[in-house]
Amino acid sequence: MKLTKSIKVAFVAVAASSLVIAGTTTGAAAPKKLKSIRVAAVVKGLDNPFFIGIKEGIEETALKYGVYANVQAAPGLNDDIGQANKLDSLAGQNYDCYIVIPISSNNLSQAIGKITKKKKTVINIDSPVDAASLKASGGKITSFAGTDNFAAGKAGGAKMVAAIGSGKKIGLIAGLAGNVTSNARVDGFKAGAAGATFVGPVNADWDTTKALDAANAMIAANKDLDGFFAANDQMAQGVGKAIKAAGLKIPVYGVDGIADALNEVKAGSITATISQYPYVMGQMGVEACIIAAQGGKVPAQTITPYYIIDNSNITAALTNKSTRGFFPNQTPPGAYTNPYTKLIKK
């Protein structure tokens, strides 16, 4: 299931909700009791703490309901082949439902096709699977839960323009080339900051050091840069180092809301992060699996919340510490909709 730019969710900087799109009824298999449900998940590499947050959400939600969950991670953040091999191995095992987050938009499609042929449920969270490759493999996604990355980027672009003014020059640092999540965030930012002059985007592969190098090169070639947008927080950290080394005082925005980035917002080395809530995505993934295993109607798509965190609300963002320390906030500070919980039969 692929998110498109037509999915627009109205958010303000410190308030968010979730969008729910009509659901899918699962197959005719006999409904299962909670303690007999088996869930497998394949997430991106745990070298990015964002995906540790998702892992936490999956494991703790499974524990809450008494279902079994096996969470496997890609060997590295950019190891799409290693991740595909993990899911391919799990596809041959006895699970009722699979939760997936592809590294590239299509690297898991073949394995999803195998799972679908076994009439098992696949739930896609965070990064959408490419619709064309999914169709070619015969795969099916029952439900998607994740951020509208275009809308999140657009909100960041509008926020930066409100701070620095229109018609300014802004550097763009992207993730992996061709990555659907990175593209949506960058395209959204450009839409929100319409009228600005953009330098880049330059791909830094989600990596702090590569982003530092890319930002250094941009600054050297463009002495009049007025700001930076990076498609994730780890790259924003690299940009922040480049800005400091150059003696500049210009804003840098990232995306994700990882703990280190929030601390850097507090310290002033990053201006803002568009904070997502990976724990919530993991929670929704497990709950969608439970609904499917119980024979219920699973919402086909849920847009999860985000908040722009800057110096106006960073103290509140850092207040509610995660039980295991990876994320200051497991859930958003305001109200949001989770359509899955109420559909579970206890």
C-alpha atoms as a PDB file:
ATOM      1  CA  MET A   1       0.000   0.000   0.000  1.00  0.00           C
ATOM      2  CA  LYS A   2       1.478   3.285  -1.048  1.00  0.00           C
ATOM      3  CA  LEU A   3       0.758   6.645   0.494  1.00  0.00           C
ATOM      4  CA  THR A   4       0.247   9.407  -2.057  1.00  0.00           C
ATOM      5  CA  LYS A   5       0.414  13.158  -1.889  1.00  0.00           C
ATOM      6  CA  SER A   6      -3.373  13.217  -2.077  1.00  0.00           C
ATOM      7  CA  ILE A   7      -3.518  12.059   1.515  1.00  0.00           C
ATOM      8  CA  LYS A   8      -3.392  15.367   3.328  1.00  0.00           C
ATOM      9  CA  VAL A   9      -3.931  15.524   7.067  1.00  0.00           C
ATOM     10  CA  ALA A  10      -4.459  18.847   8.811  1.00  0.00           C
ATOM     11  CA  PHE A  11      -2.008  19.184  11.675  1.00  0.00           C
ATOM     12  CA  VAL A  12      -0.766  22.146  13.677  1.00  0.00           C
ATOM     13  CA  ALA A  13       2.664  22.324  15.232  1.00  0.00           C
ATOM     14  CA  VAL A  14       1.694  20.930  18.616  1.00  0.00           C
ATOM     15  CA  ALA A  15      -1.540  19.080  17.914  1.00  0.00           C
ATOM     16  CA  ALA A  16      -2.081  15.902  15.935  1.00  0.00           C
ATOM     17  CA  SER A  17      -4.694  13.268  15.226  1.00  0.00           C
ATOM     18  CA  SER A  18      -4.951  10.112  13.140  1.00  0.00           C
ATOM     19  CA  LEU A  19      -6.707   9.527   9.851  1.00  0.00           C
ATOM     20  CA  VAL A  20      -8.528   6.222   9.468  1.00  0.00           C
ATOM     21  CA  ILE A  21      -9.555   4.810   6.098  1.00  0.00           C
ATOM     22  CA  ALA A  22     -12.133   2.033   5.722  1.00  0.00           C
ATOM     23  CA  GLY A  23     -11.069  -1.464   6.628  1.00  0.00           C
ATOM     24  CA  THR A  24     -10.571  -4.963   5.301  1.00  0.00           C
ATOM     25  CA  THR A  25     -12.266  -8.101   6.557  1.00  0.00           C
ATOM     26  CA  THR A  26      -9.856 -10.996   6.922  1.00  0.00           C
ATOM     27  CA  GLY A  27     -10.318 -14.492   5.527  1.00  0.00           C
ATOM     28  CA  ALA A  28     -12.531 -17.332   6.646  1.00  0.00           C
ATOM     29  CA  ALA A  29     -10.043 -19.029   8.994  1.00  0.00           C
ATOM     30  CA  ALA A  30     -11.410 -19.832  12.444  1.00  0.00           C
ATOM     31  CA  PRO A  31     -10.916 -16.933  14.886  1.00  0.00           C
ATOM     32  CA  LYS A  32      -8.020 -17.469  17.284  1.00  0.00           C
ATOM     33  CA  LYS A  33      -7.772 -16.872  21.010  1.00  0.00           C
ATOM     34  CA  LEU A  34      -5.259 -14.271  22.150  1.00  0.00           C
ATOM     35  CA  LYS A  35      -2.785 -16.701  23.706  1.00  0.00           C
ATOM     36  CA  SER A  36      -2.579 -18.757  20.488  1.00  0.00           C
ATOM     37  CA  ILE A  37      -1.801 -15.811  18.146  1.00  0.00           C
ATOM     38  CA  ARG A  38       1.740 -15.731  16.724  1.00  0.00           C
ATOM     39  CA  VAL A  39       3.158 -12.525  15.217  1.00  0.00           C
ATOM     40  CA  ALA A  40       6.436 -12.073  13.333  1.00  0.00           C
ATOM     41  CA  ALA A  41       7.889  -8.655  12.574  1.00  0.00           C
ATOM     42  CA  VAL A  42      10.770  -7.497  10.380  1.00  0.00           C
ATOM     43  CA  VAL A  43      11.884  -3.918  11.028  1.00  0.00           C
ATOM     44  CA  LYS A  44      14.748  -1.770   9.793  1.00  0.00           C
ATOM     45  CA  GLY A  45      18.176  -1.798  11.454  1.00  0.00           C
ATOM     46  CA  LEU A  46      18.405  -1.061  15.156  1.00  0.00           C
ATOM     47  CA  ASP A  47      21.391   1.205  14.502  1.00  0.00           C
ATOM     48  CA  ASN A  48      18.706   3.910  14.306  1.00  0.00           C
ATOM     49  CA  PRO A  49      16.965   4.240  17.713  1.00  0.00           C
ATOM     50  CA  PHE A  50      13.691   5.067  15.934  1.00  0.00           C
ATOM     51  CA  PHE A  51      13.332   1.386  15.104  1.00  0.00           C
ATOM     52  CA  ILE A  52      14.192   0.390  18.645  1.00  0.00           C
ATOM     53  CA  GLY A  53      11.094   2.418  19.569  1.00  0.00           C
ATOM     54  CA  ILE A  54       9.016   0.410  17.086  1.00  0.00           C
ATOM     55  CA  LYS A  55      10.462  -2.845  18.449  1.00  0.00           C
ATOM     56  CA  GLU A  56       9.507  -1.732  21.966  1.00  0.00           C
ATOM     57  CA  GLY A  57       5.969  -0.985  20.836  1.00  0.00           C
ATOM     58  CA  ILE A  58       5.591  -4.404  19.223  1.00  0.00           C
ATOM     59  CA  GLU A  59       7.058  -6.380  22.113  1.00  0.00           C
ATOM     60  CA  GLU A  60       5.302  -4.554  24.924  1.00  0.00           C
ATOM     61  CA  THR A  61       1.913  -4.603  23.162  1.00  0.00           C
ATOM     62  CA  ALA A  62       2.260  -8.339  22.507  1.00  0.00           C
ATOM     63  CA  LEU A  63       3.075  -8.833  26.184  1.00  0.00           C
ATOM     64  CA  LYS A  64       0.042  -6.781  27.192  1.00  0.00           C
ATOM     65  CA  TYR A  65      -2.345  -8.976  25.195  1.00  0.00           C
ATOM     66  CA  GLY A  66      -0.567 -12.275  25.827  1.00  0.00           C
ATOM     67  CA  VAL A  67       0.285 -12.955  22.169  1.00  0.00           C
ATOM     68  CA  TYR A  68       3.639 -14.243  20.917  1.00  0.00           C
ATOM     69  CA  ALA A  69       5.836 -11.824  18.957  1.00  0.00           C
ATOM     70  CA  ASN A  70       9.172 -12.476  17.249  1.00  0.00           C
ATOM     71  CA  VAL A  71      10.818  -9.218  16.157  1.00  0.00           C
ATOM     72  CA  GLN A  72      13.697  -9.471  13.681  1.00  0.00           C
ATOM     73  CA  ALA A  73      15.714  -6.458  12.513  1.00  0.00           C
ATOM     74  CA  ALA A  74      17.678  -5.867   9.344  1.00  0.00           C
ATOM     75  CA  PRO A  75      21.438  -6.352   9.923  1.00  0.00           C
ATOM     76  CA  GLY A  76      21.912  -2.647   9.165  1.00  0.00           C
ATOM     77  CA  LEU A  77      19.798   0.393   8.391  1.00  0.00           C
ATOM     78  CA  ASN A  78      20.522   0.186   4.650  1.00  0.00           C
ATOM     79  CA  ASP A  79      20.852  -3.617   4.273  1.00  0.00           C
ATOM     80  CA  ASP A  80      17.806  -4.262   2.112  1.00  0.00           C
ATOM     81  CA  ILE A  81      18.990  -7.714   0.996  1.00  0.00           C
ATOM     82  CA  GLY A  82      19.691  -8.845   4.553  1.00  0.00           C
ATOM     83  CA  GLN A  83      16.258  -7.620   5.616  1.00  0.00           C
ATOM     84  CA  ALA A  84      14.561  -9.432   2.727  1.00  0.00           C
ATOM     85  CA  ASN A  85      16.335 -12.654   3.715  1.00  0.00           C
ATOM     86  CA  LYS A  86      15.009 -12.295   7.276  1.00  0.00           C
ATOM     87  CA  LEU A  87      11.408 -12.020   6.087  1.00  0.00           C
ATOM     88  CA  ASP A  88      11.865 -14.806   3.537  1.00  0.00           C
ATOM     89  CA  SER A  89      12.994 -17.127   6.331  1.00  0.00           C
ATOM     90  CA  LEU A  90      10.083 -16.165   8.579  1.00  0.00           C
ATOM     91  CA  ALA A  91       7.623 -16.606   5.692  1.00  0.00           C
ATOM     92  CA  GLY A  92       8.222 -20.346   5.834  1.00  0.00           C
ATOM     93  CA  GLN A  93       7.409 -20.539   9.544  1.00  0.00           C
ATOM     94  CA  ASN A  94       4.139 -20.828  11.404  1.00  0.00           C
ATOM     95  CA  TYR A  95       2.929 -17.289  12.108  1.00  0.00           C
ATOM     96  CA  ASP A  96      -0.574 -15.883  11.866  1.00  0.00           C
ATOM     97  CA  CYS A  97       0.495 -12.375  10.943  1.00  0.00           C
ATOM     98  CA  TYR A  98       3.566 -10.484   9.762  1.00  0.00           C
ATOM     99  CA  ILE A  99       4.472  -6.842  10.455  1.00  0.00           C
ATOM    100  CA  VAL A 100       6.835  -5.292   7.901  1.00  0.00           C
ATOM    101  CA  ILE A 101       8.807  -2.067   7.405  1.00  0.00           C
ATOM    102  CA  PRO A 102      10.669  -2.170   4.077  1.00  0.00           C
ATOM    103  CA  ILE A 103      14.091  -0.532   3.746  1.00  0.00           C
ATOM    104  CA  SER A 104      13.460   0.236   0.102  1.00  0.00           C
ATOM    105  CA  SER A 105       9.904   0.375  -1.124  1.00  0.00           C
ATOM    106  CA  ASN A 106      10.115  -3.000  -2.875  1.00  0.00           C
ATOM    107  CA  ASN A 107      12.765  -5.133  -1.151  1.00  0.00           C
ATOM    108  CA  LEU A 108      10.197  -7.163   0.835  1.00  0.00           C
ATOM    109  CA  SER A 109       7.602  -7.595  -1.913  1.00  0.00           C
ATOM    110  CA  GLN A 110       8.669 -11.085  -3.011  1.00  0.00           C
ATOM    111  CA  ALA A 111       8.528 -12.442   0.536  1.00  0.00           C
ATOM    112  CA  ILE A 112       5.164 -10.733   1.104  1.00  0.00           C
ATOM    113  CA  GLY A 113       3.918 -12.536  -2.007  1.00  0.00           C
ATOM    114  CA  LYS A 114       4.915 -15.871  -0.454  1.00  0.00           C
ATOM    115  CA  ILE A 115       3.127 -14.982   2.779  1.00  0.00           C
ATOM    116  CA  THR A 116      -0.021 -13.947   0.925  1.00  0.00           C
ATOM    117  CA  LYS A 117      -0.063 -17.242  -0.989  1.00  0.00           C
ATOM    118  CA  LYS A 118      -0.162 -18.984   2.413  1.00  0.00           C
ATOM    119  CA  LYS A 119      -3.252 -16.891   3.229  1.00  0.00           C
ATOM    120  CA  LYS A 120      -1.492 -15.135   6.093  1.00  0.00           C
ATOM    121  CA  THR A 121      -1.966 -11.487   7.057  1.00  0.00           C
ATOM    122  CA  VAL A 122       0.632  -8.778   6.404  1.00  0.00           C
ATOM    123  CA  ILE A 123       0.536  -5.454   8.243  1.00  0.00           C
ATOM    124  CA  ASN A 124       2.733  -2.638   6.897  1.00  0.00           C
ATOM    125  CA  ILE A 125       3.861   0.107   9.298  1.00  0.00           C
ATOM    126  CA  ASP A 126       5.997   3.269   9.006  1.00  0.00           C
ATOM    127  CA  SER A 127       7.310   2.998   5.408  1.00  0.00           C
ATOM    128  CA  PRO A 128       4.852   1.898   2.707  1.00  0.00           C
ATOM    129  CA  VAL A 129       5.476  -1.043   0.394  1.00  0.00           C
ATOM    130  CA  ASP A 130       5.518  -0.145  -3.310  1.00  0.00           C
ATOM    131  CA  ALA A 131       2.140  -0.999  -4.845  1.00  0.00           C
ATOM    132  CA  ALA A 132       3.485  -2.060  -8.277  1.00  0.00           C
ATOM    133  CA  SER A 133       6.053  -4.522  -6.909  1.00  0.00           C
ATOM    134  CA  LEU A 134       3.484  -5.850  -4.445  1.00  0.00           C
ATOM    135  CA  LYS A 135       1.026  -6.512  -7.259  1.00  0.00           C
ATOM    136  CA  ALA A 136       3.709  -8.213  -9.349  1.00  0.00           C
ATOM    137  CA  SER A 137       4.551 -10.586  -6.483  1.00  0.00           C
ATOM    138  CA  GLY A 138       0.911 -11.386  -5.739  1.00  0.00           C
ATOM    139  CA  GLY A 139       1.251  -9.860  -2.309  1.00  0.00           C
ATOM    140  CA  LYS A 140      -1.412  -8.141  -0.219  1.00  0.00           C
ATOM    141  CA  ILE A 141      -1.204  -5.630   2.622  1.00  0.00           C
ATOM    142  CA  THR A 142      -4.173  -5.811   4.993  1.00  0.00           C
ATOM    143  CA  SER A 143      -3.470  -2.573   6.873  1.00  0.00           C
ATOM    144  CA  PHE A 144      -0.998   0.315   6.890  1.00  0.00           C
ATOM    145  CA  ALA A 145      -0.189   2.458   9.935  1.00  0.00           C
ATOM    146  CA  GLY A 146       2.340   5.245   9.642  1.00  0.00           C
ATOM    147  CA  THR A 147       3.042   8.938   9.293  1.00  0.00           C
ATOM    148  CA  ASP A 148       1.945  10.873   6.224  1.00  0.00           C
ATOM    149  CA  ASN A 149       5.533  11.865   5.480  1.00  0.00           C
ATOM    150  CA  PHE A 150       4.558  14.398   2.829  1.00  0.00           C
ATOM    151  CA  ALA A 151       2.289  16.203   5.294  1.00  0.00           C
ATOM    152  CA  ALA A 152       4.949  16.072   8.015  1.00  0.00           C
ATOM    153  CA  GLY A 153       7.570  17.534   5.693  1.00  0.00           C
ATOM    154  CA  LYS A 154       5.143  20.193   4.517  1.00  0.00           C
ATOM    155  CA  ALA A 155       4.430  21.254   8.093  1.00  0.00           C
ATOM    156  CA  GLY A 156       8.182  21.579   8.684  1.00  0.00           C
ATOM    157  CA  GLY A 157       8.625  23.685   5.557  1.00  0.00           C
ATOM    158  CA  ALA A 158       5.815  26.033   6.539  1.00  0.00           C
ATOM    159  CA  LYS A 159       7.237  26.334  10.064  1.00  0.00           C
ATOM    160  CA  MET A 160      10.726  27.215   8.815  1.00  0.00           C
ATOM    161  CA  VAL A 161       9.429  29.816   6.346  1.00  0.00           C
ATOM    162  CA  ALA A 162       7.368  31.403   9.122  1.00  0.00           C
ATOM    163  CA  ALA A 163      10.601  31.740  11.121  1.00  0.00           C
ATOM    164  CA  ILE A 164      13.066  32.918   8.437  1.00  0.00           C
ATOM    165  CA  GLY A 165      10.781  34.527   5.861  1.00  0.00           C
ATOM    166  CA  SER A 166       9.899  33.641   2.277  1.00  0.00           C
ATOM    167  CA  GLY A 167      12.248  33.533  -0.700  1.00  0.00           C
ATOM    168  CA  LYS A 168      15.247  32.257   1.294  1.00  0.00           C
ATOM    169  CA  LYS A 169      17.858  29.644   0.299  1.00  0.00           C
ATOM    170  CA  ILE A 170      17.498  26.270   2.041  1.00  0.00           C
ATOM    171  CA  GLY A 171      19.728  23.194   1.821  1.00  0.00           C
ATOM    172  CA  LEU A 172      18.082  19.768   1.546  1.00  0.00           C
ATOM    173  CA  ILE A 173      19.659  16.526   2.811  1.00  0.00           C
ATOM    174  CA  ALA A 174      17.848  13.334   1.752  1.00  0.00           C
ATOM    175  CA  GLY A 175      18.159   9.687   2.800  1.00  0.00           C
ATOM    176  CA  LEU A 176      18.691   6.805   0.389  1.00  0.00           C
ATOM    177  CA  ALA A 177      18.307   7.606  -3.310  1.00  0.00           C
ATOM    178  CA  GLY A 178      14.837   6.645  -4.474  1.00  0.00           C
ATOM    179  CA  ASN A 179      13.560   5.910  -0.965  1.00  0.00           C
ATOM    180  CA  VAL A 180       9.828   6.640  -0.809  1.00  0.00           C
ATOM    181  CA  THR A 181       9.923   7.957   2.777  1.00  0.00           C
ATOM    182  CA  SER A 182      12.819  10.321   2.139  1.00  0.00           C
ATOM    183  CA  ASN A 183      11.273  11.549  -1.106  1.00  0.00           C
ATOM    184  CA  ALA A 184       7.921  12.236   0.555  1.00  0.00           C
ATOM    185  CA  ARG A 185       9.509  14.212   3.391  1.00  0.00           C
ATOM    186  CA  VAL A 186      11.688  16.309   1.077  1.00  0.00           C
ATOM    187  CA  ASP A 187       8.873  16.910  -1.415  1.00  0.00           C
ATOM    188  CA  GLY A 188       6.548  17.862   1.429  1.00  0.00           C
ATOM    189  CA  PHE A 189       9.091  20.279   2.878  1.00  0.00           C
ATOM    190  CA  LYS A 190       9.524  21.934  -0.526  1.00  0.00           C
ATOM    191  CA  ALA A 191       5.758  22.322  -0.815  1.00  0.00           C
ATOM    192  CA  GLY A 192       5.534  23.857   2.652  1.00  0.00           C
ATOM    193  CA  ALA A 193       8.420  26.208   1.897  1.00  0.00           C
ATOM    194  CA  ALA A 194       7.197  27.104  -1.599  1.00  0.00           C
ATOM    195  CA  GLY A 195       8.949  30.182  -2.964  1.00  0.00           C
ATOM    196  CA  ALA A 196      12.298  29.326  -1.375  1.00  0.00           C
ATOM    197  CA  THR A 197      15.395  28.503  -3.408  1.00  0.00           C
ATOM    198  CA  PHE A 198      16.541  24.961  -2.705  1.00  0.00           C
ATOM    199  CA  VAL A 199      20.069  23.568  -2.799  1.00  0.00           C
ATOM    200  CA  GLY A 200      19.988  19.810  -3.305  1.00  0.00           C
ATOM    201  CA  PRO A 201      18.651  17.450  -2.219  1.00  0.00           C
ATOM    202  CA  VAL A 202      21.875  15.547  -1.660  1.00  0.00           C
ATOM    203  CA  ASN A 203      21.527  11.915  -0.546  1.00  0.00           C
ATOM    204  CA  ALA A 204      23.330  11.129   2.712  1.00  0.00           C
ATOM    205  CA  ASP A 205      21.903   7.607   3.204  1.00  0.00           C
ATOM    206  CA  TRP A 206      20.365   8.404   6.638  1.00  0.00           C
ATOM    207  CA  ASP A 207      23.944   8.706   7.986  1.00  0.00           C
ATOM    208  CA  THR A 208      25.259  11.421  10.333  1.00  0.00           C
ATOM    209  CA  THR A 209      28.796  11.540   8.914  1.00  0.00           C
ATOM    210  CA  LYS A 210      27.635  11.600   5.287  1.00  0.00           C
ATOM    211  CA  ALA A 211      25.206  14.396   6.143  1.00  0.00           C
ATOM    212  CA  LEU A 212      28.018  16.336   7.841  1.00  0.00           C
ATOM    213  CA  ASP A 213      30.131  16.036   4.682  1.00  0.00           C
ATOM    214  CA  ALA A 214      27.214  16.986   2.407  1.00  0.00           C
ATOM    215  CA  ALA A 215      26.362  20.020   4.540  1.00  0.00           C
ATOM    216  CA  ASN A 216      30.012  21.141   4.619  1.00  0.00           C
ATOM    217  CA  ALA A 217      30.104  21.024   0.813  1.00  0.00           C
ATOM    218  CA  MET A 218      26.819  22.930   0.528  1.00  0.00           C
ATOM    219  CA  ILE A 219      27.981  25.622   2.922  1.00  0.00           C
ATOM    220  CA  ALA A 220      31.297  26.018   1.091  1.00  0.00           C
ATOM    221  CA  ALA A 221      29.482  26.481  -2.224  1.00  0.00           C
ATOM    222  CA  ASN A 222      26.598  28.577  -0.879  1.00  0.00           C
ATOM    223  CA  LYS A 223      27.670  31.180   1.667  1.00  0.00           C
ATOM    224  CA  ASP A 224      24.138  32.609   1.718  1.00  0.00           C
ATOM    225  CA  LEU A 225      22.264  29.532   2.967  1.00  0.00           C
ATOM    226  CA  ASP A 226      19.439  30.455   5.344  1.00  0.00           C
ATOM    227  CA  GLY A 227      18.507  27.005   6.672  1.00  0.00           C
ATOM    228  CA  PHE A 228      18.665  23.209   6.266  1.00  0.00           C
ATOM    229  CA  PHE A 229      16.134  20.406   6.189  1.00  0.00           C
ATOM    230  CA  ALA A 230      17.291  16.814   6.725  1.00  0.00           C
ATOM    231  CA  ALA A 231      14.976  13.861   6.115  1.00  0.00           C
ATOM    232  CA  ASN A 232      15.840  12.239   9.444  1.00  0.00           C
ATOM    233  CA  ASP A 233      17.276  13.288  12.792  1.00  0.00           C
ATOM    234  CA  GLN A 234      20.572  11.441  12.476  1.00  0.00           C
ATOM    235  CA  MET A 235      21.355  13.431   9.330  1.00  0.00           C
ATOM    236  CA  ALA A 236      20.158  16.630  11.037  1.00  0.00           C
ATOM    237  CA  GLN A 237      22.750  15.969  13.749  1.00  0.00           C
ATOM    238  CA  GLY A 238      25.473  15.943  11.089  1.00  0.00           C
ATOM    239  CA  VAL A 239      24.127  19.149   9.576  1.00  0.00           C
ATOM    240  CA  GLY A 240      24.097  20.762  13.003  1.00  0.00           C
ATOM    241  CA  LYS A 241      27.801  19.980  13.410  1.00  0.00           C
ATOM    242  CA  ALA A 242      28.577  21.521  10.013  1.00  0.00           C
ATOM    243  CA  ILE A 243      26.651  24.684  10.836  1.00  0.00           C
ATOM    244  CA  LYS A 244      28.450  25.039  14.149  1.00  0.00           C
ATOM    245  CA  ALA A 245      31.863  24.503  12.544  1.00  0.00           C
ATOM    246  CA  ALA A 246      31.093  27.184   9.959  1.00  0.00           C
ATOM    247  CA  GLY A 247      30.070  29.640  12.664  1.00  0.00           C
ATOM    248  CA  LEU A 248      26.576  30.010  11.206  1.00  0.00           C
ATOM    249  CA  LYS A 249      23.355  30.630  13.090  1.00  0.00           C
ATOM    250  CA  ILE A 250      20.736  29.178  10.758  1.00  0.00           C
ATOM    251  CA  PRO A 251      17.938  26.697  11.478  1.00  0.00           C
ATOM    252  CA  VAL A 252      18.168  22.966  10.837  1.00  0.00           C
ATOM    253  CA  TYR A 253      15.107  20.729  10.968  1.00  0.00           C
ATOM    254  CA  GLY A 254      15.094  16.931  11.178  1.00  0.00           C
ATOM    255  CA  VAL A 255      12.439  14.236  11.305  1.00  0.00           C
ATOM    256  CA  ASP A 256      11.704  11.410  13.788  1.00  0.00           C
ATOM    257  CA  GLY A 257      12.058  12.826  17.299  1.00  0.00           C
ATOM    258  CA  ILE A 258      14.806  10.442  18.461  1.00  0.00           C
ATOM    259  CA  ALA A 259      16.093  11.065  21.970  1.00  0.00           C
ATOM    260  CA  ASP A 260      19.473  12.476  20.894  1.00  0.00           C
ATOM    261  CA  ALA A 261      17.781  14.945  18.550  1.00  0.00           C
ATOM    262  CA  LEU A 262      15.390  16.124  21.240  1.00  0.00           C
ATOM    263  CA  ASN A 263      18.356  16.719  23.533  1.00  0.00           C
ATOM    264  CA  GLU A 264      20.032  18.719  20.747  1.00  0.00           C
ATOM    265  CA  VAL A 265      16.869  20.790  20.288  1.00  0.00           C
ATOM    266  CA  LYS A 266      17.104  21.529  24.000  1.00  0.00           C
ATOM    267  CA  ALA A 267      20.780  22.482  23.617  1.00  0.00           C
ATOM    268  CA  GLY A 268      20.097  24.561  20.499  1.00  0.00           C
ATOM    269  CA  SER A 269      22.276  22.637  18.011  1.00  0.00           C
ATOM    270  CA  ILE A 270      19.162  21.441  16.146  1.00  0.00           C
ATOM    271  CA  THR A 271      16.300  23.907  15.747  1.00  0.00           C
ATOM    272  CA  ALA A 272      13.399  21.459  15.469  1.00  0.00           C
ATOM    273  CA  THR A 273      12.470  17.859  14.867  1.00  0.00           C
ATOM    274  CA  ILE A 274       9.216  16.687  13.373  1.00  0.00           C
ATOM    275  CA  SER A 275       8.599  14.040  15.989  1.00  0.00           C
ATOM    276  CA  GLN A 276       6.957  10.754  15.114  1.00  0.00           C
ATOM    277  CA  TYR A 277       5.880   8.114  17.613  1.00  0.00           C
ATOM    278  CA  PRO A 278       7.358   4.744  16.652  1.00  0.00           C
ATOM    279  CA  TYR A 279       6.076   3.017  19.776  1.00  0.00           C
ATOM    280  CA  VAL A 280       2.534   3.830  18.621  1.00  0.00           C
ATOM    281  CA  MET A 281       3.252   2.368  15.176  1.00  0.00           C
ATOM    282  CA  GLY A 282       4.490  -0.859  16.750  1.00  0.00           C
ATOM    283  CA  GLN A 283       1.450  -0.967  19.015  1.00  0.00           C
ATOM    284  CA  MET A 284      -0.949  -0.486  16.109  1.00  0.00           C
ATOM    285  CA  GLY A 285       0.836  -3.174  14.097  1.00  0.00           C
ATOM    286  CA  VAL A 286       0.312  -5.793  16.788  1.00  0.00           C
ATOM    287  CA  GLU A 287      -3.283  -4.745  17.408  1.00  0.00           C
ATOM    288  CA  ALA A 288      -4.035  -4.984  13.675  1.00  0.00           C
ATOM    289  CA  CYS A 289      -2.583  -8.500  13.693  1.00  0.00           C
ATOM    290  CA  ILE A 290      -4.785  -9.475  16.618  1.00  0.00           C
ATOM    291  CA  ILE A 291      -7.924  -8.176  14.922  1.00  0.00           C
ATOM    292  CA  ALA A 292      -7.063 -10.122  11.767  1.00  0.00           C
ATOM    293  CA  ALA A 293      -6.381 -13.334  13.686  1.00  0.00           C
ATOM    294  CA  GLN A 294      -9.720 -12.933  15.458  1.00  0.00           C
ATOM    295  CA  GLY A 295     -11.479 -12.636  12.095  1.00  0.00           C
ATOM    296  CA  GLY A 296     -12.337  -8.966  12.515  1.00  0.00           C
ATOM    297  CA  LYS A 297     -12.449  -6.062  10.071  1.00  0.00           C
ATOM    298  CA  VAL A 298      -9.073  -4.335  10.099  1.00  0.00           C
ATOM    299  CA  PRO A 299      -8.874  -0.608   9.220  1.00  0.00           C
ATOM    300  CA  ALA A 300      -7.063  -0.463   5.884  1.00  0.00           C
ATOM    301  CA  GLN A 301      -5.060   2.653   6.694  1.00  0.00           C
ATOM    302  CA  THR A 302      -4.325   4.780   9.738  1.00  0.00           C
ATOM    303  CA  ILE A 303      -2.204   7.921   9.636  1.00  0.00           C
ATOM    304  CA  THR A 304      -0.263   8.148  12.875  1.00  0.00           C
ATOM    305  CA  PRO A 305       0.415  11.458  14.659  1.00  0.00           C
ATOM    306  CA  TYR A 306       3.390  13.780  14.585  1.00  0.00           C
ATOM    307  CA  TYR A 307       4.367  16.960  16.446  1.00  0.00           C
ATOM    308  CA  ILE A 308       6.884  19.654  15.550  1.00  0.00           C
ATOM    309  CA  ILE A 309       9.168  19.948  18.567  1.00  0.00           C
ATOM    310  CA  ASP A 310      11.202  23.145  18.970  1.00  0.00           C
ATOM    311  CA  ASN A 311      12.255  25.432  21.821  1.00  0.00           C
ATOM    312  CA  SER A 312       8.618  26.312  22.507  1.00  0.00           C
ATOM    313  CA  ASN A 313       7.655  22.790  23.601  1.00  0.00           C
ATOM    314  CA  ILE A 314      10.898  20.841  24.079  1.00  0.00           C
ATOM    315  CA  THR A 315      10.622  20.745  27.871  1.00  0.00           C
ATOM    316  CA  ALA A 316       7.241  19.030  27.667  1.00  0.00           C
ATOM    317  CA  ALA A 317       8.561  16.655  24.991  1.00  0.00           C
ATOM    318  CA  LEU A 318      11.376  15.534  27.287  1.00  0.00           C
ATOM    319  CA  THR A 319       9.238  15.097  30.391  1.00  0.00           C
ATOM    320  CA  ASN A 320       7.642  11.656  30.007  1.00  0.00           C
ATOM    321  CA  LYS A 321      10.585   9.239  29.864  1.00  0.00           C
ATOM    322  CA  SER A 322      10.245   5.874  28.162  1.00  0.00           C
ATOM    323  CA  THR A 323      10.191   2.875  30.480  1.00  0.00           C
ATOM    324  CA  ARG A 324      13.311   1.544  28.735  1.00  0.00           C
ATOM    325  CA  GLY A 325      15.007   4.835  27.986  1.00  0.00           C
ATOM    326  CA  PHE A 326      15.134   4.966  24.197  1.00  0.00           C
ATOM    327  CA  PHE A 327      12.413   7.547  23.631  1.00  0.00           C
ATOM    328  CA  PRO A 328      11.422  10.370  25.966  1.00  0.00           C
ATOM    329  CA  ASN A 329       7.796   9.921  24.938  1.00  0.00           C
ATOM    330  CA  GLN A 330       6.263   6.619  23.953  1.00  0.00           C
ATOM    331  CA  THR A 331       3.010   8.333  23.035  1.00  0.00           C
ATOM    332  CA  PRO A 332       2.181  11.846  21.785  1.00  0.00           C
ATOM    333  CA  PRO A 333       1.537  14.623  24.288  1.00  0.00           C
ATOM    334  CA  GLY A 334      -1.959  15.257  22.891  1.00  0.00           C
ATOM    335  CA  ALA A 335      -4.993  13.288  21.786  1.00  0.00           C
ATOM    336  CA  TYR A 336      -4.851  10.977  18.770  1.00  0.00           C
ATOM    337  CA  THR A 337      -7.030   8.235  17.341  1.00  0.00           C
ATOM    338  CA  ASN A 338      -6.145   4.544  17.577  1.00  0.00           C
ATOM    339  CA  PRO A 339      -8.908   2.674  15.704  1.00  0.00           C
ATOM    340  CA  TYR A 340      -7.494  -0.785  16.433  1.00  0.00           C
ATOM    341  CA  THR A 341      -7.776  -1.135  20.217  1.00  0.00           C
ATOM    342  CA  LYS A 342     -11.564  -1.047  20.385  1.00  0.00           C
ATOM    343  CA  LEU A 343     -11.854  -3.796  17.756  1.00  0.00           C
ATOM    344  CA  ILE A 344      -9.955  -6.411  19.777  1.00  0.00           C
ATOM    345  CA  LYS A 345     -11.984  -9.126  21.471  1.00  0.00           C
ATOM    346  CA  LYS A 346     -10.650  -9.717  24.978  1.00  0.00           C
END
